[in-house]
């Protein structure tokens, strides 16, 4: 009898040791494979749409080339590849975002009747020069509505080039080309330009205490944002950002489910029981929940 008890206890010890060893192996797999991936996904989640800083997916690129990649489920592998592709599109926009914002500023200021025409010597507003003295790029300033405050604090400068357009003729492959060439006369700071040439009749008496430039600044930021929202490249960028958030959330969920399955004993059965129990309760409520006769 004693021998049987000893054998049984030894068997239990072996089972316990085996489970402990398996748990240690699983913990190692989680620490070595899944934790770095979750850290990468969390860093992607924290990216800001409102600056041009690139999203780093170097870990995912390396993961695809490693032997660990084949250990992931097919859906997880597809999501990893999709995240890399989406990030590439987002980074592509971010790389050109400062020049897009710069173009929007110039197009807005040079737009028809946005700024007043110079009222001297038949001069015209021919061009705009932008100068950025901050560490923030133009996209950051536009999308975060920081243009006017930066103008007021002289962190950026906008110069209006005043001059005339004169006809110019030149030969091009034997053909005579005529065009108007802008001849710059002087450059004027935008504050001085707006205050000098703008005639504003404020509908509100209180607005008469503000200078034309202050009234100009009150709407300039929102005008730039409105123009940015019309750009197809920016519209697509916003779609890509939303798609990336969905992809990262889905992959994070799948990885966390895999970790629970590895570390929590009988997790599959416990989860299946909870799902089945919830479904049974829902069916019962549909059948008897609205029965007012009871």
C-alpha atoms as a PDB file:
ATOM      1  CA  UNK A   1       0.000   0.000   0.000  1.00  0.00           C
ATOM      2  CA  UNK A   2       2.840   2.335   0.929  1.00  0.00           C
ATOM      3  CA  UNK A   3       4.498   1.679  -2.409  1.00  0.00           C
ATOM      4  CA  UNK A   4       1.330   2.654  -4.278  1.00  0.00           C
ATOM      5  CA  UNK A   5       1.042   5.881  -2.275  1.00  0.00           C
ATOM      6  CA  UNK A   6       4.691   6.709  -2.930  1.00  0.00           C
ATOM      7  CA  UNK A   7       4.282   6.043  -6.648  1.00  0.00           C
ATOM      8  CA  UNK A   8       1.128   8.190  -6.744  1.00  0.00           C
ATOM      9  CA  UNK A   9       2.867  11.074  -4.928  1.00  0.00           C
ATOM     10  CA  UNK A  10       5.842  10.786  -7.258  1.00  0.00           C
ATOM     11  CA  UNK A  11       3.494  10.927 -10.245  1.00  0.00           C
ATOM     12  CA  UNK A  12       1.809  14.040  -8.869  1.00  0.00           C
ATOM     13  CA  UNK A  13       5.221  15.622  -8.320  1.00  0.00           C
ATOM     14  CA  UNK A  14       6.186  14.911 -11.928  1.00  0.00           C
ATOM     15  CA  UNK A  15       2.921  16.406 -13.228  1.00  0.00           C
ATOM     16  CA  UNK A  16       3.378  19.502 -11.085  1.00  0.00           C
ATOM     17  CA  UNK A  17       6.991  19.891 -12.177  1.00  0.00           C
ATOM     18  CA  UNK A  18       6.012  19.447 -15.808  1.00  0.00           C
ATOM     19  CA  UNK A  19       3.289  22.108 -15.526  1.00  0.00           C
ATOM     20  CA  UNK A  20       5.684  24.473 -13.766  1.00  0.00           C
ATOM     21  CA  UNK A  21       8.268  23.931 -16.514  1.00  0.00           C
ATOM     22  CA  UNK A  22       5.658  24.500 -19.221  1.00  0.00           C
ATOM     23  CA  UNK A  23       4.498  27.668 -17.477  1.00  0.00           C
ATOM     24  CA  UNK A  24       8.107  28.895 -17.314  1.00  0.00           C
ATOM     25  CA  UNK A  25       8.520  28.175 -21.025  1.00  0.00           C
ATOM     26  CA  UNK A  26       5.309  30.010 -21.804  1.00  0.00           C
ATOM     27  CA  UNK A  27       6.362  32.971 -19.661  1.00  0.00           C
ATOM     28  CA  UNK A  28       9.619  33.080 -21.594  1.00  0.00           C
ATOM     29  CA  UNK A  29       7.733  33.052 -24.913  1.00  0.00           C
ATOM     30  CA  UNK A  30       5.535  35.928 -23.742  1.00  0.00           C
ATOM     31  CA  UNK A  31       8.487  37.962 -22.507  1.00  0.00           C
ATOM     32  CA  UNK A  32      10.647  37.252 -25.555  1.00  0.00           C
ATOM     33  CA  UNK A  33       8.043  37.491 -28.331  1.00  0.00           C
ATOM     34  CA  UNK A  34       4.824  39.196 -27.337  1.00  0.00           C
ATOM     35  CA  UNK A  35       5.877  41.922 -24.887  1.00  0.00           C
ATOM     36  CA  UNK A  36       8.172  43.711 -27.415  1.00  0.00           C
ATOM     37  CA  UNK A  37       5.370  43.543 -29.987  1.00  0.00           C
ATOM     38  CA  UNK A  38       2.856  45.048 -27.553  1.00  0.00           C
ATOM     39  CA  UNK A  39       5.365  47.785 -26.669  1.00  0.00           C
ATOM     40  CA  UNK A  40       5.699  48.578 -30.381  1.00  0.00           C
ATOM     41  CA  UNK A  41       1.911  48.664 -30.854  1.00  0.00           C
ATOM     42  CA  UNK A  42       1.512  50.963 -27.841  1.00  0.00           C
ATOM     43  CA  UNK A  43       4.107  53.367 -29.257  1.00  0.00           C
ATOM     44  CA  UNK A  44       2.212  53.408 -32.573  1.00  0.00           C
ATOM     45  CA  UNK A  45      -1.021  54.164 -30.695  1.00  0.00           C
ATOM     46  CA  UNK A  46       0.603  57.223 -29.127  1.00  0.00           C
ATOM     47  CA  UNK A  47       1.523  58.854 -32.440  1.00  0.00           C
ATOM     48  CA  UNK A  48       0.131  62.337 -33.058  1.00  0.00           C
ATOM     49  CA  UNK A  49      -1.756  63.241 -36.203  1.00  0.00           C
ATOM     50  CA  UNK A  50      -0.968  66.901 -35.639  1.00  0.00           C
ATOM     51  CA  UNK A  51       2.769  66.843 -36.316  1.00  0.00           C
ATOM     52  CA  UNK A  52       5.061  65.558 -39.034  1.00  0.00           C
ATOM     53  CA  UNK A  53       7.061  63.172 -36.818  1.00  0.00           C
ATOM     54  CA  UNK A  54       7.468  59.798 -38.511  1.00  0.00           C
ATOM     55  CA  UNK A  55       6.032  56.606 -36.995  1.00  0.00           C
ATOM     56  CA  UNK A  56       8.714  54.031 -36.259  1.00  0.00           C
ATOM     57  CA  UNK A  57       7.812  50.434 -37.207  1.00  0.00           C
ATOM     58  CA  UNK A  58      11.389  49.130 -37.296  1.00  0.00           C
ATOM     59  CA  UNK A  59      10.509  46.367 -34.851  1.00  0.00           C
ATOM     60  CA  UNK A  60       7.701  45.092 -37.086  1.00  0.00           C
ATOM     61  CA  UNK A  61       9.984  45.132 -40.145  1.00  0.00           C
ATOM     62  CA  UNK A  62      12.545  43.084 -38.219  1.00  0.00           C
ATOM     63  CA  UNK A  63       9.871  40.733 -36.888  1.00  0.00           C
ATOM     64  CA  UNK A  64       8.731  39.813 -40.404  1.00  0.00           C
ATOM     65  CA  UNK A  65      12.304  38.816 -41.277  1.00  0.00           C
ATOM     66  CA  UNK A  66      12.784  36.741 -38.109  1.00  0.00           C
ATOM     67  CA  UNK A  67      11.980  33.094 -37.379  1.00  0.00           C
ATOM     68  CA  UNK A  68       9.381  34.209 -34.797  1.00  0.00           C
ATOM     69  CA  UNK A  69       7.046  35.537 -37.480  1.00  0.00           C
ATOM     70  CA  UNK A  70       5.974  32.055 -38.586  1.00  0.00           C
ATOM     71  CA  UNK A  71       4.803  31.325 -35.019  1.00  0.00           C
ATOM     72  CA  UNK A  72       2.002  33.884 -35.315  1.00  0.00           C
ATOM     73  CA  UNK A  73      -1.459  33.001 -36.565  1.00  0.00           C
ATOM     74  CA  UNK A  74      -2.320  33.882 -40.166  1.00  0.00           C
ATOM     75  CA  UNK A  75      -4.665  36.696 -39.118  1.00  0.00           C
ATOM     76  CA  UNK A  76      -1.939  38.190 -36.910  1.00  0.00           C
ATOM     77  CA  UNK A  77       0.625  38.011 -39.732  1.00  0.00           C
ATOM     78  CA  UNK A  78      -1.799  39.718 -42.111  1.00  0.00           C
ATOM     79  CA  UNK A  79      -2.452  42.489 -39.577  1.00  0.00           C
ATOM     80  CA  UNK A  80       1.278  43.076 -39.001  1.00  0.00           C
ATOM     81  CA  UNK A  81       1.814  43.460 -42.752  1.00  0.00           C
ATOM     82  CA  UNK A  82      -1.230  45.739 -43.047  1.00  0.00           C
ATOM     83  CA  UNK A  83       0.011  47.971 -40.216  1.00  0.00           C
ATOM     84  CA  UNK A  84       3.391  48.372 -41.924  1.00  0.00           C
ATOM     85  CA  UNK A  85       1.694  49.298 -45.221  1.00  0.00           C
ATOM     86  CA  UNK A  86      -0.631  51.823 -43.543  1.00  0.00           C
ATOM     87  CA  UNK A  87       2.238  53.409 -41.608  1.00  0.00           C
ATOM     88  CA  UNK A  88       4.191  53.816 -44.853  1.00  0.00           C
ATOM     89  CA  UNK A  89       1.289  55.786 -46.349  1.00  0.00           C
ATOM     90  CA  UNK A  90       0.974  57.929 -43.211  1.00  0.00           C
ATOM     91  CA  UNK A  91       4.712  58.618 -43.097  1.00  0.00           C
ATOM     92  CA  UNK A  92       4.633  59.539 -46.773  1.00  0.00           C
ATOM     93  CA  UNK A  93       2.109  62.288 -46.044  1.00  0.00           C
ATOM     94  CA  UNK A  94       3.965  63.386 -42.915  1.00  0.00           C
ATOM     95  CA  UNK A  95       7.180  63.832 -44.940  1.00  0.00           C
ATOM     96  CA  UNK A  96       5.479  66.289 -47.303  1.00  0.00           C
ATOM     97  CA  UNK A  97       3.072  67.829 -44.749  1.00  0.00           C
ATOM     98  CA  UNK A  98       5.228  70.939 -44.044  1.00  0.00           C
ATOM     99  CA  UNK A  99       5.365  71.850 -47.742  1.00  0.00           C
ATOM    100  CA  UNK A 100       1.599  71.163 -48.083  1.00  0.00           C
ATOM    101  CA  UNK A 101       0.903  73.544 -45.198  1.00  0.00           C
ATOM    102  CA  UNK A 102       3.277  76.139 -46.628  1.00  0.00           C
ATOM    103  CA  UNK A 103       1.471  75.975 -49.962  1.00  0.00           C
ATOM    104  CA  UNK A 104      -1.903  76.400 -48.231  1.00  0.00           C
ATOM    105  CA  UNK A 105      -0.713  79.561 -46.473  1.00  0.00           C
ATOM    106  CA  UNK A 106       0.521  81.088 -49.720  1.00  0.00           C
ATOM    107  CA  UNK A 107      -2.523  80.034 -51.757  1.00  0.00           C
ATOM    108  CA  UNK A 108      -4.859  81.445 -49.104  1.00  0.00           C
ATOM    109  CA  UNK A 109      -3.063  84.783 -48.836  1.00  0.00           C
ATOM    110  CA  UNK A 110      -2.786  85.129 -52.609  1.00  0.00           C
ATOM    111  CA  UNK A 111      -6.377  84.041 -53.132  1.00  0.00           C
ATOM    112  CA  UNK A 112      -8.821  86.364 -54.789  1.00  0.00           C
ATOM    113  CA  UNK A 113      -9.706  89.289 -52.512  1.00  0.00           C
ATOM    114  CA  UNK A 114      -8.306  87.599 -49.386  1.00  0.00           C
ATOM    115  CA  UNK A 115      -5.795  90.398 -48.856  1.00  0.00           C
ATOM    116  CA  UNK A 116      -6.501  93.924 -50.077  1.00  0.00           C
ATOM    117  CA  UNK A 117      -4.722  95.225 -53.174  1.00  0.00           C
ATOM    118  CA  UNK A 118      -2.084  97.919 -52.571  1.00  0.00           C
ATOM    119  CA  UNK A 119      -3.646 101.337 -53.024  1.00  0.00           C
ATOM    120  CA  UNK A 120      -0.600 103.089 -54.464  1.00  0.00           C
ATOM    121  CA  UNK A 121       0.944 103.484 -57.922  1.00  0.00           C
ATOM    122  CA  UNK A 122      -1.133 100.646 -59.383  1.00  0.00           C
ATOM    123  CA  UNK A 123       1.001  98.167 -57.492  1.00  0.00           C
ATOM    124  CA  UNK A 124      -0.178  94.594 -56.958  1.00  0.00           C
ATOM    125  CA  UNK A 125       0.455  91.902 -54.390  1.00  0.00           C
ATOM    126  CA  UNK A 126       2.597  89.525 -56.426  1.00  0.00           C
ATOM    127  CA  UNK A 127       4.042  86.981 -54.017  1.00  0.00           C
ATOM    128  CA  UNK A 128       4.439  85.882 -50.401  1.00  0.00           C
ATOM    129  CA  UNK A 129       7.635  84.985 -48.536  1.00  0.00           C
ATOM    130  CA  UNK A 130       7.409  82.818 -45.418  1.00  0.00           C
ATOM    131  CA  UNK A 131      10.097  82.699 -42.758  1.00  0.00           C
ATOM    132  CA  UNK A 132       9.937  80.290 -39.824  1.00  0.00           C
ATOM    133  CA  UNK A 133      12.078  81.100 -36.759  1.00  0.00           C
ATOM    134  CA  UNK A 134      10.678  78.297 -34.582  1.00  0.00           C
ATOM    135  CA  UNK A 135      11.509  74.619 -34.160  1.00  0.00           C
ATOM    136  CA  UNK A 136       7.957  73.761 -35.244  1.00  0.00           C
ATOM    137  CA  UNK A 137       7.334  73.148 -38.934  1.00  0.00           C
ATOM    138  CA  UNK A 138       4.573  74.794 -40.959  1.00  0.00           C
ATOM    139  CA  UNK A 139       2.249  71.785 -40.732  1.00  0.00           C
ATOM    140  CA  UNK A 140       2.509  71.771 -36.944  1.00  0.00           C
ATOM    141  CA  UNK A 141       1.701  75.493 -36.862  1.00  0.00           C
ATOM    142  CA  UNK A 142      -1.257  75.261 -39.256  1.00  0.00           C
ATOM    143  CA  UNK A 143      -2.977  72.137 -37.924  1.00  0.00           C
ATOM    144  CA  UNK A 144      -2.576  73.249 -34.286  1.00  0.00           C
ATOM    145  CA  UNK A 145      -3.799  76.765 -35.150  1.00  0.00           C
ATOM    146  CA  UNK A 146      -0.560  78.413 -34.067  1.00  0.00           C
ATOM    147  CA  UNK A 147       0.022  80.689 -37.053  1.00  0.00           C
ATOM    148  CA  UNK A 148      -1.491  83.905 -35.710  1.00  0.00           C
ATOM    149  CA  UNK A 149      -0.002  83.628 -32.208  1.00  0.00           C
ATOM    150  CA  UNK A 150       3.392  82.943 -33.780  1.00  0.00           C
ATOM    151  CA  UNK A 151       2.937  86.029 -35.962  1.00  0.00           C
ATOM    152  CA  UNK A 152       2.107  88.159 -32.958  1.00  0.00           C
ATOM    153  CA  UNK A 153       5.191  86.951 -31.072  1.00  0.00           C
ATOM    154  CA  UNK A 154       7.408  87.321 -34.157  1.00  0.00           C
ATOM    155  CA  UNK A 155       8.205  83.617 -34.193  1.00  0.00           C
ATOM    156  CA  UNK A 156       7.339  83.541 -37.883  1.00  0.00           C
ATOM    157  CA  UNK A 157       7.443  86.264 -40.519  1.00  0.00           C
ATOM    158  CA  UNK A 158       5.225  86.706 -43.555  1.00  0.00           C
ATOM    159  CA  UNK A 159       6.304  89.260 -46.139  1.00  0.00           C
ATOM    160  CA  UNK A 160       4.047  90.595 -48.880  1.00  0.00           C
ATOM    161  CA  UNK A 161       5.922  91.412 -52.085  1.00  0.00           C
ATOM    162  CA  UNK A 162       4.524  94.468 -53.814  1.00  0.00           C
ATOM    163  CA  UNK A 163       5.299  95.376 -57.396  1.00  0.00           C
ATOM    164  CA  UNK A 164       3.983  95.408 -60.927  1.00  0.00           C
ATOM    165  CA  UNK A 165       3.443  92.925 -63.705  1.00  0.00           C
ATOM    166  CA  UNK A 166       5.185  93.906 -66.906  1.00  0.00           C
ATOM    167  CA  UNK A 167       4.846  92.192 -70.295  1.00  0.00           C
ATOM    168  CA  UNK A 168       7.828  90.077 -71.313  1.00  0.00           C
ATOM    169  CA  UNK A 169       8.522  88.487 -74.683  1.00  0.00           C
ATOM    170  CA  UNK A 170      10.962  85.675 -75.431  1.00  0.00           C
ATOM    171  CA  UNK A 171      11.645  83.101 -78.128  1.00  0.00           C
ATOM    172  CA  UNK A 172      11.075  79.398 -77.446  1.00  0.00           C
ATOM    173  CA  UNK A 173      11.986  76.992 -80.263  1.00  0.00           C
ATOM    174  CA  UNK A 174      11.233  79.657 -82.838  1.00  0.00           C
ATOM    175  CA  UNK A 175       7.926  80.597 -81.237  1.00  0.00           C
ATOM    176  CA  UNK A 176       7.355  83.997 -79.629  1.00  0.00           C
ATOM    177  CA  UNK A 177       6.020  83.686 -76.078  1.00  0.00           C
ATOM    178  CA  UNK A 178       4.423  86.614 -74.238  1.00  0.00           C
ATOM    179  CA  UNK A 179       3.767  86.611 -70.503  1.00  0.00           C
ATOM    180  CA  UNK A 180       3.526  89.012 -67.589  1.00  0.00           C
ATOM    181  CA  UNK A 181       6.555  89.037 -65.319  1.00  0.00           C
ATOM    182  CA  UNK A 182       6.300  90.222 -61.719  1.00  0.00           C
ATOM    183  CA  UNK A 183       8.736  93.015 -60.924  1.00  0.00           C
ATOM    184  CA  UNK A 184       9.189  93.369 -57.184  1.00  0.00           C
ATOM    185  CA  UNK A 185       9.272  96.908 -55.849  1.00  0.00           C
ATOM    186  CA  UNK A 186       9.352  96.243 -52.110  1.00  0.00           C
ATOM    187  CA  UNK A 187       8.567  93.697 -49.435  1.00  0.00           C
ATOM    188  CA  UNK A 188       6.241  94.617 -46.561  1.00  0.00           C
ATOM    189  CA  UNK A 189       5.584  92.757 -43.306  1.00  0.00           C
ATOM    190  CA  UNK A 190       2.060  91.355 -43.347  1.00  0.00           C
ATOM    191  CA  UNK A 191       0.981  93.302 -40.257  1.00  0.00           C
ATOM    192  CA  UNK A 192       2.026  96.590 -41.838  1.00  0.00           C
ATOM    193  CA  UNK A 193       0.498  95.545 -45.157  1.00  0.00           C
ATOM    194  CA  UNK A 194      -2.900  94.659 -43.671  1.00  0.00           C
ATOM    195  CA  UNK A 195      -3.032  97.756 -41.459  1.00  0.00           C
ATOM    196  CA  UNK A 196      -2.028 100.022 -44.364  1.00  0.00           C
ATOM    197  CA  UNK A 197      -4.316  98.770 -47.104  1.00  0.00           C
ATOM    198  CA  UNK A 198      -7.336  97.260 -45.334  1.00  0.00           C
ATOM    199  CA  UNK A 199     -10.475  99.293 -44.868  1.00  0.00           C
ATOM    200  CA  UNK A 200     -12.757  97.591 -42.375  1.00  0.00           C
ATOM    201  CA  UNK A 201     -16.177  98.764 -41.320  1.00  0.00           C
ATOM    202  CA  UNK A 202     -16.853  96.510 -38.318  1.00  0.00           C
ATOM    203  CA  UNK A 203     -20.527  95.549 -37.908  1.00  0.00           C
ATOM    204  CA  UNK A 204     -20.016  95.502 -34.160  1.00  0.00           C
ATOM    205  CA  UNK A 205     -19.040  98.759 -32.502  1.00  0.00           C
ATOM    206  CA  UNK A 206     -16.723  96.925 -30.107  1.00  0.00           C
ATOM    207  CA  UNK A 207     -14.675  95.665 -33.083  1.00  0.00           C
ATOM    208  CA  UNK A 208     -13.771  99.228 -34.018  1.00  0.00           C
ATOM    209  CA  UNK A 209     -11.225  99.189 -31.189  1.00  0.00           C
ATOM    210  CA  UNK A 210      -9.230  96.456 -32.938  1.00  0.00           C
ATOM    211  CA  UNK A 211      -6.696  97.071 -35.673  1.00  0.00           C
ATOM    212  CA  UNK A 212      -7.279  95.557 -39.142  1.00  0.00           C
ATOM    213  CA  UNK A 213      -4.434  93.105 -38.487  1.00  0.00           C
ATOM    214  CA  UNK A 214      -6.015  91.918 -35.224  1.00  0.00           C
ATOM    215  CA  UNK A 215      -9.295  91.309 -37.039  1.00  0.00           C
ATOM    216  CA  UNK A 216      -7.380  89.510 -39.788  1.00  0.00           C
ATOM    217  CA  UNK A 217      -5.721  87.219 -37.216  1.00  0.00           C
ATOM    218  CA  UNK A 218      -9.071  86.354 -35.633  1.00  0.00           C
ATOM    219  CA  UNK A 219     -10.092  84.301 -38.680  1.00  0.00           C
ATOM    220  CA  UNK A 220      -6.793  83.392 -40.383  1.00  0.00           C
ATOM    221  CA  UNK A 221      -6.231  80.148 -38.441  1.00  0.00           C
ATOM    222  CA  UNK A 222      -9.714  78.776 -39.140  1.00  0.00           C
ATOM    223  CA  UNK A 223      -9.417  79.768 -42.810  1.00  0.00           C
ATOM    224  CA  UNK A 224      -6.206  77.730 -43.112  1.00  0.00           C
ATOM    225  CA  UNK A 225      -7.777  74.714 -41.390  1.00  0.00           C
ATOM    226  CA  UNK A 226     -10.744  74.904 -43.753  1.00  0.00           C
ATOM    227  CA  UNK A 227      -8.438  74.897 -46.772  1.00  0.00           C
ATOM    228  CA  UNK A 228      -6.402  72.012 -45.336  1.00  0.00           C
ATOM    229  CA  UNK A 229      -9.575  69.942 -44.882  1.00  0.00           C
ATOM    230  CA  UNK A 230     -10.285  70.335 -48.598  1.00  0.00           C
ATOM    231  CA  UNK A 231      -6.980  68.758 -49.654  1.00  0.00           C
ATOM    232  CA  UNK A 232      -7.454  65.212 -50.942  1.00  0.00           C
ATOM    233  CA  UNK A 233      -4.066  64.166 -49.580  1.00  0.00           C
ATOM    234  CA  UNK A 234      -5.061  65.310 -46.078  1.00  0.00           C
ATOM    235  CA  UNK A 235      -8.477  63.625 -46.327  1.00  0.00           C
ATOM    236  CA  UNK A 236      -6.743  60.349 -47.263  1.00  0.00           C
ATOM    237  CA  UNK A 237      -4.235  60.857 -44.432  1.00  0.00           C
ATOM    238  CA  UNK A 238      -7.097  61.081 -41.905  1.00  0.00           C
ATOM    239  CA  UNK A 239      -8.636  57.891 -43.351  1.00  0.00           C
ATOM    240  CA  UNK A 240      -5.283  56.107 -43.042  1.00  0.00           C
ATOM    241  CA  UNK A 241      -4.919  57.250 -39.412  1.00  0.00           C
ATOM    242  CA  UNK A 242      -8.362  55.854 -38.549  1.00  0.00           C
ATOM    243  CA  UNK A 243      -7.558  52.596 -40.331  1.00  0.00           C
ATOM    244  CA  UNK A 244      -4.243  52.292 -38.479  1.00  0.00           C
ATOM    245  CA  UNK A 245      -5.986  52.760 -35.115  1.00  0.00           C
ATOM    246  CA  UNK A 246      -8.419  49.935 -35.951  1.00  0.00           C
ATOM    247  CA  UNK A 247      -5.623  47.613 -37.118  1.00  0.00           C
ATOM    248  CA  UNK A 248      -3.503  48.236 -34.022  1.00  0.00           C
ATOM    249  CA  UNK A 249      -6.479  47.696 -31.687  1.00  0.00           C
ATOM    250  CA  UNK A 250      -7.369  44.409 -33.400  1.00  0.00           C
ATOM    251  CA  UNK A 251      -3.802  43.076 -33.310  1.00  0.00           C
ATOM    252  CA  UNK A 252      -3.386  44.146 -29.662  1.00  0.00           C
ATOM    253  CA  UNK A 253      -6.580  42.268 -28.792  1.00  0.00           C
ATOM    254  CA  UNK A 254      -5.428  39.100 -30.573  1.00  0.00           C
ATOM    255  CA  UNK A 255      -1.988  39.197 -28.933  1.00  0.00           C
ATOM    256  CA  UNK A 256      -3.464  39.758 -25.471  1.00  0.00           C
ATOM    257  CA  UNK A 257      -5.852  36.858 -26.056  1.00  0.00           C
ATOM    258  CA  UNK A 258      -2.883  34.660 -27.023  1.00  0.00           C
ATOM    259  CA  UNK A 259      -1.032  35.673 -23.843  1.00  0.00           C
ATOM    260  CA  UNK A 260      -4.067  34.830 -21.677  1.00  0.00           C
ATOM    261  CA  UNK A 261      -4.366  31.456 -23.410  1.00  0.00           C
ATOM    262  CA  UNK A 262      -0.701  30.729 -22.669  1.00  0.00           C
ATOM    263  CA  UNK A 263      -0.608  31.887 -19.056  1.00  0.00           C
ATOM    264  CA  UNK A 264      -4.098  31.276 -17.640  1.00  0.00           C
ATOM    265  CA  UNK A 265      -4.889  27.599 -17.027  1.00  0.00           C
ATOM    266  CA  UNK A 266      -7.948  26.368 -18.955  1.00  0.00           C
ATOM    267  CA  UNK A 267      -8.499  29.873 -20.352  1.00  0.00           C
ATOM    268  CA  UNK A 268     -10.169  28.561 -23.516  1.00  0.00           C
ATOM    269  CA  UNK A 269     -12.788  26.612 -21.556  1.00  0.00           C
ATOM    270  CA  UNK A 270     -13.361  29.433 -19.082  1.00  0.00           C
ATOM    271  CA  UNK A 271     -13.904  31.913 -21.911  1.00  0.00           C
ATOM    272  CA  UNK A 272     -16.125  29.482 -23.826  1.00  0.00           C
ATOM    273  CA  UNK A 273     -18.211  28.957 -20.691  1.00  0.00           C
ATOM    274  CA  UNK A 274     -18.635  32.727 -20.205  1.00  0.00           C
ATOM    275  CA  UNK A 275     -19.675  33.205 -23.826  1.00  0.00           C
ATOM    276  CA  UNK A 276     -22.123  30.291 -23.657  1.00  0.00           C
ATOM    277  CA  UNK A 277     -23.544  31.528 -20.348  1.00  0.00           C
ATOM    278  CA  UNK A 278     -24.047  35.036 -21.783  1.00  0.00           C
ATOM    279  CA  UNK A 279     -25.813  33.621 -24.838  1.00  0.00           C
ATOM    280  CA  UNK A 280     -28.113  31.478 -22.690  1.00  0.00           C
ATOM    281  CA  UNK A 281     -28.989  34.493 -20.517  1.00  0.00           C
ATOM    282  CA  UNK A 282     -29.739  36.605 -23.598  1.00  0.00           C
ATOM    283  CA  UNK A 283     -31.979  33.895 -25.040  1.00  0.00           C
ATOM    284  CA  UNK A 284     -33.795  33.550 -21.712  1.00  0.00           C
ATOM    285  CA  UNK A 285     -34.315  37.309 -21.471  1.00  0.00           C
ATOM    286  CA  UNK A 286     -35.718  37.427 -24.998  1.00  0.00           C
ATOM    287  CA  UNK A 287     -38.109  34.600 -24.218  1.00  0.00           C
ATOM    288  CA  UNK A 288     -39.225  35.492 -20.690  1.00  0.00           C
ATOM    289  CA  UNK A 289     -37.813  38.920 -19.891  1.00  0.00           C
ATOM    290  CA  UNK A 290     -40.836  40.803 -21.219  1.00  0.00           C
ATOM    291  CA  UNK A 291     -43.413  38.376 -19.860  1.00  0.00           C
ATOM    292  CA  UNK A 292     -45.584  40.615 -17.672  1.00  0.00           C
ATOM    293  CA  UNK A 293     -47.940  37.831 -16.647  1.00  0.00           C
ATOM    294  CA  UNK A 294     -45.460  36.480 -14.122  1.00  0.00           C
END
